[in-house]
Amino acid sequence: MKTNRLSLTFTSLPENVLIARMLASSVGAQLDLPMNDLEELKVAISEAVSNAIIHGYANNPDHTVTVDIDIVGDIITVRVSDTGCGIEDIPQAMQASFSTDPERMGLGFVFMKSFMDSLDVASEPGRGTTVLMTKTYHSSPQTSH
């Protein structure tokens, strides 16, 4: 059974969301994911990272975000964590259109939940948030070896 673990910690700069997307792309290519699954993985990871930067740290670039990706067989587990302000009311934060930033659409958790098999959010106000997502994937039949 194929296993792999990747961990990336980066500064909470908005442009680093692209780095997280590139990591997701690399993982997807390694697993021969179909294009649709790859796009969904990239969106789920980038939404979690964006939430950490925008909401967890209020766009303060003096912090870090960590993305851990574990691949065991055909299951990908993604953990995105920050040490930001935390979430007071997780069920409320997960509602469509809820956002602490009026400029945002509030669909990040909605996308994560719809694109992944499971979504778990653990948060403690003043201590940070960890988003844990899993998805079972199957390699693309056209490109399997």
N, C-alpha and C. Protein backbone atom coordinates (compact mmCIF):
# COMPACT_ATOMS: atom_id res chain seq x y z
N MET A 1 0.85 -1.18 0.00
CA MET A 1 0.00 0.00 0.00
C MET A 1 0.89 1.24 0.00
N LYS A 2 0.61 2.14 -0.92
CA LYS A 2 1.40 3.35 -1.02
C LYS A 2 1.07 4.30 0.13
N THR A 3 2.11 4.80 0.78
CA THR A 3 1.92 5.82 1.81
C THR A 3 2.89 6.96 1.55
N ASN A 4 2.47 8.14 1.90
CA ASN A 4 3.31 9.32 1.73
C ASN A 4 2.81 10.38 2.70
N ARG A 5 3.73 11.20 3.18
CA ARG A 5 3.35 12.29 4.08
C ARG A 5 4.10 13.54 3.65
N LEU A 6 3.36 14.62 3.52
CA LEU A 6 3.96 15.89 3.17
C LEU A 6 3.52 16.91 4.22
N SER A 7 4.43 17.79 4.56
CA SER A 7 4.10 18.84 5.52
C SER A 7 4.75 20.13 5.02
N LEU A 8 3.97 21.19 5.00
CA LEU A 8 4.45 22.47 4.53
C LEU A 8 3.98 23.54 5.50
N THR A 9 4.92 24.32 6.01
CA THR A 9 4.59 25.44 6.89
C THR A 9 5.08 26.70 6.21
N PHE A 10 4.21 27.69 6.13
CA PHE A 10 4.57 28.92 5.44
C PHE A 10 3.98 30.12 6.15
N THR A 11 4.52 31.29 5.83
CA THR A 11 4.07 32.55 6.40
C THR A 11 2.66 32.85 5.93
N SER A 12 1.89 33.51 6.77
CA SER A 12 0.48 33.78 6.49
C SER A 12 0.29 34.95 5.51
N LEU A 13 0.96 34.84 4.38
CA LEU A 13 0.81 35.82 3.30
C LEU A 13 -0.24 35.29 2.31
N PRO A 14 -1.14 36.14 1.83
CA PRO A 14 -2.17 35.69 0.89
C PRO A 14 -1.60 34.99 -0.34
N GLU A 15 -0.43 35.44 -0.83
CA GLU A 15 0.14 34.82 -2.03
C GLU A 15 0.58 33.38 -1.79
N ASN A 16 0.71 32.97 -0.54
CA ASN A 16 1.10 31.59 -0.25
C ASN A 16 -0.04 30.60 -0.42
N VAL A 17 -1.26 31.10 -0.62
CA VAL A 17 -2.37 30.20 -0.96
C VAL A 17 -2.03 29.47 -2.26
N LEU A 18 -1.37 30.17 -3.17
CA LEU A 18 -0.96 29.55 -4.43
C LEU A 18 0.03 28.40 -4.19
N ILE A 19 0.91 28.56 -3.22
CA ILE A 19 1.86 27.49 -2.88
C ILE A 19 1.10 26.25 -2.39
N ALA A 20 0.07 26.47 -1.57
CA ALA A 20 -0.74 25.34 -1.09
C ALA A 20 -1.45 24.66 -2.26
N ARG A 21 -1.93 25.44 -3.22
CA ARG A 21 -2.59 24.87 -4.41
C ARG A 21 -1.58 24.05 -5.23
N MET A 22 -0.34 24.55 -5.31
CA MET A 22 0.68 23.83 -6.06
C MET A 22 1.01 22.50 -5.39
N LEU A 23 1.02 22.49 -4.06
CA LEU A 23 1.25 21.25 -3.33
C LEU A 23 0.13 20.26 -3.65
N ALA A 24 -1.11 20.74 -3.63
CA ALA A 24 -2.25 19.88 -3.97
C ALA A 24 -2.12 19.35 -5.40
N SER A 25 -1.70 20.20 -6.32
CA SER A 25 -1.51 19.77 -7.71
C SER A 25 -0.47 18.67 -7.82
N SER A 26 0.63 18.84 -7.09
CA SER A 26 1.70 17.84 -7.11
C SER A 26 1.22 16.51 -6.56
N VAL A 27 0.46 16.55 -5.48
CA VAL A 27 -0.09 15.32 -4.89
C VAL A 27 -1.04 14.66 -5.88
N GLY A 28 -1.90 15.46 -6.48
CA GLY A 28 -2.85 14.92 -7.45
C GLY A 28 -2.17 14.29 -8.64
N ALA A 29 -1.10 14.91 -9.13
CA ALA A 29 -0.37 14.36 -10.27
C ALA A 29 0.29 13.04 -9.88
N GLN A 30 0.83 12.99 -8.68
CA GLN A 30 1.47 11.77 -8.17
C GLN A 30 0.49 10.61 -8.10
N LEU A 31 -0.78 10.93 -7.81
CA LEU A 31 -1.81 9.91 -7.66
C LEU A 31 -2.61 9.67 -8.94
N ASP A 32 -2.26 10.37 -10.02
CA ASP A 32 -3.02 10.27 -11.28
C ASP A 32 -4.50 10.55 -11.08
N LEU A 33 -4.81 11.59 -10.30
CA LEU A 33 -6.22 11.91 -10.06
C LEU A 33 -6.87 12.45 -11.32
N PRO A 34 -8.15 12.11 -11.54
CA PRO A 34 -8.89 12.74 -12.64
C PRO A 34 -8.94 14.25 -12.42
N MET A 35 -9.00 15.01 -13.50
CA MET A 35 -8.94 16.47 -13.44
C MET A 35 -9.97 17.06 -12.47
N ASN A 36 -11.21 16.56 -12.49
CA ASN A 36 -12.24 17.10 -11.60
C ASN A 36 -11.87 16.90 -10.13
N ASP A 37 -11.37 15.70 -9.78
CA ASP A 37 -10.96 15.43 -8.40
C ASP A 37 -9.79 16.32 -8.00
N LEU A 38 -8.87 16.53 -8.93
CA LEU A 38 -7.72 17.38 -8.66
C LEU A 38 -8.17 18.81 -8.37
N GLU A 39 -9.08 19.33 -9.19
CA GLU A 39 -9.58 20.69 -8.98
C GLU A 39 -10.28 20.82 -7.63
N GLU A 40 -11.07 19.82 -7.27
CA GLU A 40 -11.77 19.87 -5.98
C GLU A 40 -10.80 19.83 -4.82
N LEU A 41 -9.75 19.02 -4.91
CA LEU A 41 -8.73 18.97 -3.87
C LEU A 41 -8.04 20.32 -3.73
N LYS A 42 -7.69 20.93 -4.86
CA LYS A 42 -7.03 22.24 -4.83
C LYS A 42 -7.92 23.29 -4.19
N VAL A 43 -9.20 23.29 -4.54
CA VAL A 43 -10.13 24.27 -3.96
C VAL A 43 -10.28 24.06 -2.46
N ALA A 44 -10.47 22.81 -2.03
CA ALA A 44 -10.65 22.53 -0.60
C ALA A 44 -9.44 23.00 0.21
N ILE A 45 -8.24 22.69 -0.28
CA ILE A 45 -7.03 23.08 0.45
C ILE A 45 -6.86 24.60 0.43
N SER A 46 -7.06 25.22 -0.72
CA SER A 46 -6.86 26.66 -0.77
C SER A 46 -7.90 27.42 0.05
N GLU A 47 -9.13 26.90 0.13
CA GLU A 47 -10.14 27.54 0.98
C GLU A 47 -9.75 27.46 2.46
N ALA A 48 -9.25 26.30 2.88
CA ALA A 48 -8.84 26.15 4.28
C ALA A 48 -7.67 27.08 4.60
N VAL A 49 -6.71 27.18 3.68
CA VAL A 49 -5.56 28.07 3.90
C VAL A 49 -6.01 29.53 3.89
N SER A 50 -6.88 29.88 2.95
CA SER A 50 -7.40 31.26 2.90
C SER A 50 -8.12 31.62 4.20
N ASN A 51 -8.93 30.69 4.72
CA ASN A 51 -9.62 30.95 5.98
C ASN A 51 -8.63 31.23 7.11
N ALA A 52 -7.56 30.45 7.17
CA ALA A 52 -6.56 30.65 8.22
C ALA A 52 -5.94 32.04 8.11
N ILE A 53 -5.60 32.45 6.90
CA ILE A 53 -4.95 33.74 6.70
C ILE A 53 -5.92 34.89 6.92
N ILE A 54 -7.09 34.83 6.29
CA ILE A 54 -8.04 35.94 6.32
C ILE A 54 -8.76 36.05 7.66
N HIS A 55 -9.29 34.92 8.14
CA HIS A 55 -10.09 34.96 9.37
C HIS A 55 -9.26 34.66 10.61
N GLY A 56 -8.41 33.65 10.54
CA GLY A 56 -7.61 33.29 11.71
C GLY A 56 -6.61 34.35 12.11
N TYR A 57 -5.98 34.95 11.10
CA TYR A 57 -4.94 35.94 11.37
C TYR A 57 -5.30 37.36 10.95
N ALA A 58 -6.51 37.58 10.46
CA ALA A 58 -6.95 38.90 10.01
C ALA A 58 -5.93 39.52 9.05
N ASN A 59 -5.40 38.67 8.14
CA ASN A 59 -4.42 39.09 7.13
C ASN A 59 -3.11 39.60 7.71
N ASN A 60 -2.82 39.28 8.96
CA ASN A 60 -1.53 39.65 9.55
C ASN A 60 -0.48 38.66 9.04
N PRO A 61 0.55 39.14 8.34
CA PRO A 61 1.53 38.23 7.72
C PRO A 61 2.60 37.71 8.68
N ASP A 62 2.48 37.99 9.96
CA ASP A 62 3.51 37.62 10.92
C ASP A 62 3.28 36.27 11.58
N HIS A 63 2.51 35.40 10.97
CA HIS A 63 2.19 34.10 11.55
C HIS A 63 2.47 33.01 10.53
N THR A 64 2.14 31.78 10.89
CA THR A 64 2.34 30.67 9.96
C THR A 64 1.10 29.80 9.86
N VAL A 65 0.99 29.13 8.73
CA VAL A 65 -0.06 28.16 8.45
C VAL A 65 0.66 26.87 8.10
N THR A 66 0.14 25.74 8.59
CA THR A 66 0.73 24.45 8.27
C THR A 66 -0.29 23.59 7.53
N VAL A 67 0.17 22.98 6.44
CA VAL A 67 -0.63 22.03 5.67
C VAL A 67 0.06 20.68 5.76
N ASP A 68 -0.64 19.69 6.29
CA ASP A 68 -0.13 18.32 6.34
C ASP A 68 -1.00 17.47 5.44
N ILE A 69 -0.39 16.70 4.56
CA ILE A 69 -1.13 15.80 3.68
C ILE A 69 -0.60 14.40 3.90
N ASP A 70 -1.50 13.49 4.25
CA ASP A 70 -1.15 12.08 4.42
C ASP A 70 -1.88 11.29 3.36
N ILE A 71 -1.14 10.44 2.66
CA ILE A 71 -1.72 9.57 1.65
C ILE A 71 -1.47 8.14 2.10
N VAL A 72 -2.54 7.41 2.33
CA VAL A 72 -2.44 6.00 2.69
C VAL A 72 -3.35 5.25 1.74
N GLY A 73 -2.75 4.50 0.84
CA GLY A 73 -3.54 3.82 -0.19
C GLY A 73 -4.24 4.85 -1.03
N ASP A 74 -5.57 4.78 -1.10
CA ASP A 74 -6.33 5.74 -1.91
C ASP A 74 -7.07 6.77 -1.05
N ILE A 75 -6.60 6.95 0.18
CA ILE A 75 -7.21 7.95 1.07
C ILE A 75 -6.23 9.09 1.31
N ILE A 76 -6.70 10.29 1.05
CA ILE A 76 -5.90 11.49 1.32
C ILE A 76 -6.51 12.17 2.54
N THR A 77 -5.65 12.47 3.51
CA THR A 77 -6.07 13.24 4.68
C THR A 77 -5.30 14.56 4.65
N VAL A 78 -6.03 15.66 4.75
CA VAL A 78 -5.43 16.99 4.74
C VAL A 78 -5.74 17.67 6.06
N ARG A 79 -4.70 18.22 6.67
CA ARG A 79 -4.87 18.97 7.92
C ARG A 79 -4.27 20.36 7.70
N VAL A 80 -5.10 21.39 7.88
CA VAL A 80 -4.63 22.77 7.77
C VAL A 80 -4.80 23.40 9.15
N SER A 81 -3.71 23.91 9.70
CA SER A 81 -3.80 24.44 11.05
C SER A 81 -3.14 25.81 11.18
N ASP A 82 -3.70 26.59 12.09
CA ASP A 82 -3.16 27.91 12.41
C ASP A 82 -3.24 28.12 13.91
N THR A 83 -2.59 29.16 14.39
CA THR A 83 -2.64 29.51 15.81
C THR A 83 -3.28 30.88 15.97
N GLY A 84 -4.26 31.15 15.13
CA GLY A 84 -4.92 32.46 15.11
C GLY A 84 -5.99 32.63 16.16
N CYS A 85 -6.98 33.46 15.83
CA CYS A 85 -7.99 33.87 16.80
C CYS A 85 -8.99 32.78 17.15
N GLY A 86 -9.06 31.73 16.33
CA GLY A 86 -10.02 30.66 16.60
C GLY A 86 -11.43 31.05 16.16
N ILE A 87 -12.31 30.07 16.26
CA ILE A 87 -13.70 30.27 15.84
C ILE A 87 -14.60 30.12 17.07
N GLU A 88 -15.37 31.16 17.35
CA GLU A 88 -16.27 31.14 18.51
C GLU A 88 -17.40 30.12 18.35
N ASP A 89 -18.00 30.09 17.15
CA ASP A 89 -19.18 29.26 16.91
C ASP A 89 -18.98 28.49 15.60
N ILE A 90 -18.45 27.28 15.70
CA ILE A 90 -18.12 26.49 14.50
C ILE A 90 -19.36 26.21 13.65
N PRO A 91 -20.49 25.75 14.22
CA PRO A 91 -21.67 25.50 13.37
C PRO A 91 -22.11 26.76 12.60
N GLN A 92 -22.05 27.91 13.24
CA GLN A 92 -22.41 29.16 12.56
C GLN A 92 -21.42 29.46 11.44
N ALA A 93 -20.12 29.27 11.71
CA ALA A 93 -19.09 29.55 10.72
C ALA A 93 -19.21 28.65 9.50
N MET A 94 -19.78 27.46 9.69
CA MET A 94 -19.90 26.51 8.59
C MET A 94 -21.16 26.72 7.75
N GLN A 95 -22.01 27.66 8.15
CA GLN A 95 -23.22 27.96 7.38
C GLN A 95 -22.87 28.72 6.10
N ALA A 96 -23.58 28.39 5.02
CA ALA A 96 -23.38 29.11 3.76
C ALA A 96 -23.64 30.59 3.97
N SER A 97 -22.83 31.40 3.38
CA SER A 97 -22.93 32.86 3.39
C SER A 97 -22.51 33.52 4.69
N PHE A 98 -22.08 32.74 5.71
CA PHE A 98 -21.58 33.37 6.94
C PHE A 98 -20.12 33.71 6.75
N SER A 99 -19.74 34.93 7.10
CA SER A 99 -18.34 35.34 7.04
C SER A 99 -18.10 36.44 8.05
N THR A 100 -16.92 36.44 8.64
CA THR A 100 -16.55 37.54 9.54
C THR A 100 -16.01 38.72 8.75
N ASP A 101 -15.84 38.54 7.44
CA ASP A 101 -15.34 39.58 6.55
C ASP A 101 -16.44 39.89 5.54
N PRO A 102 -17.02 41.09 5.59
CA PRO A 102 -18.14 41.42 4.69
C PRO A 102 -17.77 41.37 3.21
N GLU A 103 -16.50 41.39 2.89
CA GLU A 103 -16.06 41.32 1.50
C GLU A 103 -16.02 39.88 0.98
N ARG A 104 -16.20 38.89 1.86
CA ARG A 104 -16.10 37.48 1.47
C ARG A 104 -17.49 36.88 1.29
N MET A 105 -17.59 35.82 0.47
CA MET A 105 -18.89 35.19 0.22
C MET A 105 -19.29 34.20 1.31
N GLY A 106 -18.35 33.71 2.11
CA GLY A 106 -18.69 32.77 3.17
C GLY A 106 -18.98 31.37 2.68
N LEU A 107 -18.32 30.95 1.59
CA LEU A 107 -18.57 29.62 1.04
C LEU A 107 -17.41 28.65 1.23
N GLY A 108 -16.36 29.06 1.92
CA GLY A 108 -15.19 28.21 2.10
C GLY A 108 -15.50 26.84 2.69
N PHE A 109 -16.18 26.81 3.81
CA PHE A 109 -16.52 25.53 4.45
C PHE A 109 -17.51 24.74 3.60
N VAL A 110 -18.40 25.44 2.90
CA VAL A 110 -19.36 24.77 2.03
C VAL A 110 -18.61 24.01 0.93
N PHE A 111 -17.62 24.66 0.31
CA PHE A 111 -16.82 24.00 -0.71
C PHE A 111 -16.05 22.82 -0.12
N MET A 112 -15.41 23.03 1.01
CA MET A 112 -14.63 21.95 1.64
C MET A 112 -15.52 20.74 1.91
N LYS A 113 -16.70 21.00 2.45
CA LYS A 113 -17.61 19.91 2.80
C LYS A 113 -18.12 19.18 1.56
N SER A 114 -18.41 19.91 0.50
CA SER A 114 -18.96 19.27 -0.69
C SER A 114 -17.89 18.55 -1.51
N PHE A 115 -16.64 19.00 -1.46
CA PHE A 115 -15.59 18.41 -2.27
C PHE A 115 -14.85 17.27 -1.59
N MET A 116 -14.98 17.15 -0.29
CA MET A 116 -14.26 16.11 0.45
C MET A 116 -15.27 15.14 1.07
N ASP A 117 -14.81 13.95 1.45
CA ASP A 117 -15.71 12.96 2.07
C ASP A 117 -16.03 13.32 3.51
N SER A 118 -15.07 13.90 4.20
CA SER A 118 -15.33 14.31 5.59
C SER A 118 -14.63 15.63 5.86
N LEU A 119 -15.22 16.39 6.77
CA LEU A 119 -14.68 17.69 7.20
C LEU A 119 -14.90 17.80 8.69
N ASP A 120 -13.82 18.04 9.41
CA ASP A 120 -13.92 18.23 10.86
C ASP A 120 -13.15 19.50 11.19
N VAL A 121 -13.76 20.38 11.97
CA VAL A 121 -13.13 21.63 12.35
C VAL A 121 -13.01 21.66 13.87
N ALA A 122 -11.78 21.79 14.34
CA ALA A 122 -11.52 21.93 15.78
C ALA A 122 -10.93 23.31 16.00
N SER A 123 -11.49 24.04 16.94
CA SER A 123 -11.02 25.40 17.16
C SER A 123 -11.20 25.80 18.60
N GLU A 124 -10.28 26.61 19.06
CA GLU A 124 -10.37 27.16 20.40
C GLU A 124 -10.09 28.65 20.31
N PRO A 125 -11.07 29.48 20.71
CA PRO A 125 -10.87 30.92 20.63
C PRO A 125 -9.55 31.34 21.29
N GLY A 126 -8.80 32.14 20.56
CA GLY A 126 -7.52 32.62 21.05
C GLY A 126 -6.36 31.66 20.87
N ARG A 127 -6.62 30.44 20.40
CA ARG A 127 -5.55 29.45 20.28
C ARG A 127 -5.39 28.88 18.88
N GLY A 128 -6.41 29.04 18.02
CA GLY A 128 -6.26 28.60 16.65
C GLY A 128 -7.28 27.58 16.21
N THR A 129 -7.11 27.17 14.95
CA THR A 129 -8.07 26.27 14.30
C THR A 129 -7.33 25.21 13.51
N THR A 130 -7.89 24.00 13.53
CA THR A 130 -7.40 22.92 12.69
C THR A 130 -8.56 22.38 11.88
N VAL A 131 -8.37 22.35 10.56
CA VAL A 131 -9.37 21.80 9.64
C VAL A 131 -8.82 20.46 9.16
N LEU A 132 -9.60 19.40 9.34
CA LEU A 132 -9.21 18.05 8.95
C LEU A 132 -10.19 17.55 7.89
N MET A 133 -9.65 17.20 6.71
CA MET A 133 -10.49 16.74 5.61
C MET A 133 -9.94 15.42 5.07
N THR A 134 -10.83 14.53 4.67
CA THR A 134 -10.40 13.28 4.04
C THR A 134 -11.18 13.05 2.76
N LYS A 135 -10.55 12.29 1.87
CA LYS A 135 -11.20 11.93 0.61
C LYS A 135 -10.59 10.63 0.10
N THR A 136 -11.45 9.74 -0.34
CA THR A 136 -11.01 8.52 -0.98
C THR A 136 -10.99 8.78 -2.48
N TYR A 137 -9.87 8.51 -3.11
CA TYR A 137 -9.70 8.76 -4.53
C TYR A 137 -9.39 7.47 -5.27
N HIS A 138 -9.64 7.51 -6.56
CA HIS A 138 -9.26 6.40 -7.44
C HIS A 138 -8.53 7.01 -8.61
N SER A 139 -7.41 6.42 -8.98
CA SER A 139 -6.62 6.93 -10.09
C SER A 139 -7.45 6.98 -11.36
N SER A 140 -7.09 7.90 -12.20
CA SER A 140 -7.75 8.04 -13.49
C SER A 140 -7.47 6.82 -14.35
N PRO A 141 -8.49 6.16 -14.89
CA PRO A 141 -8.27 4.92 -15.65
C PRO A 141 -7.42 5.14 -16.91
N GLN A 142 -7.52 6.32 -17.52
CA GLN A 142 -6.75 6.56 -18.73
C GLN A 142 -5.24 6.62 -18.47
N THR A 143 -4.85 7.04 -17.27
CA THR A 143 -3.42 7.25 -17.02
C THR A 143 -2.83 6.28 -16.02
N SER A 144 -3.59 5.29 -15.58
CA SER A 144 -3.05 4.32 -14.61
C SER A 144 -1.95 3.51 -15.26
N HIS A 145 -1.02 3.09 -14.44
CA HIS A 145 0.12 2.30 -14.92
C HIS A 145 -0.12 0.83 -14.69
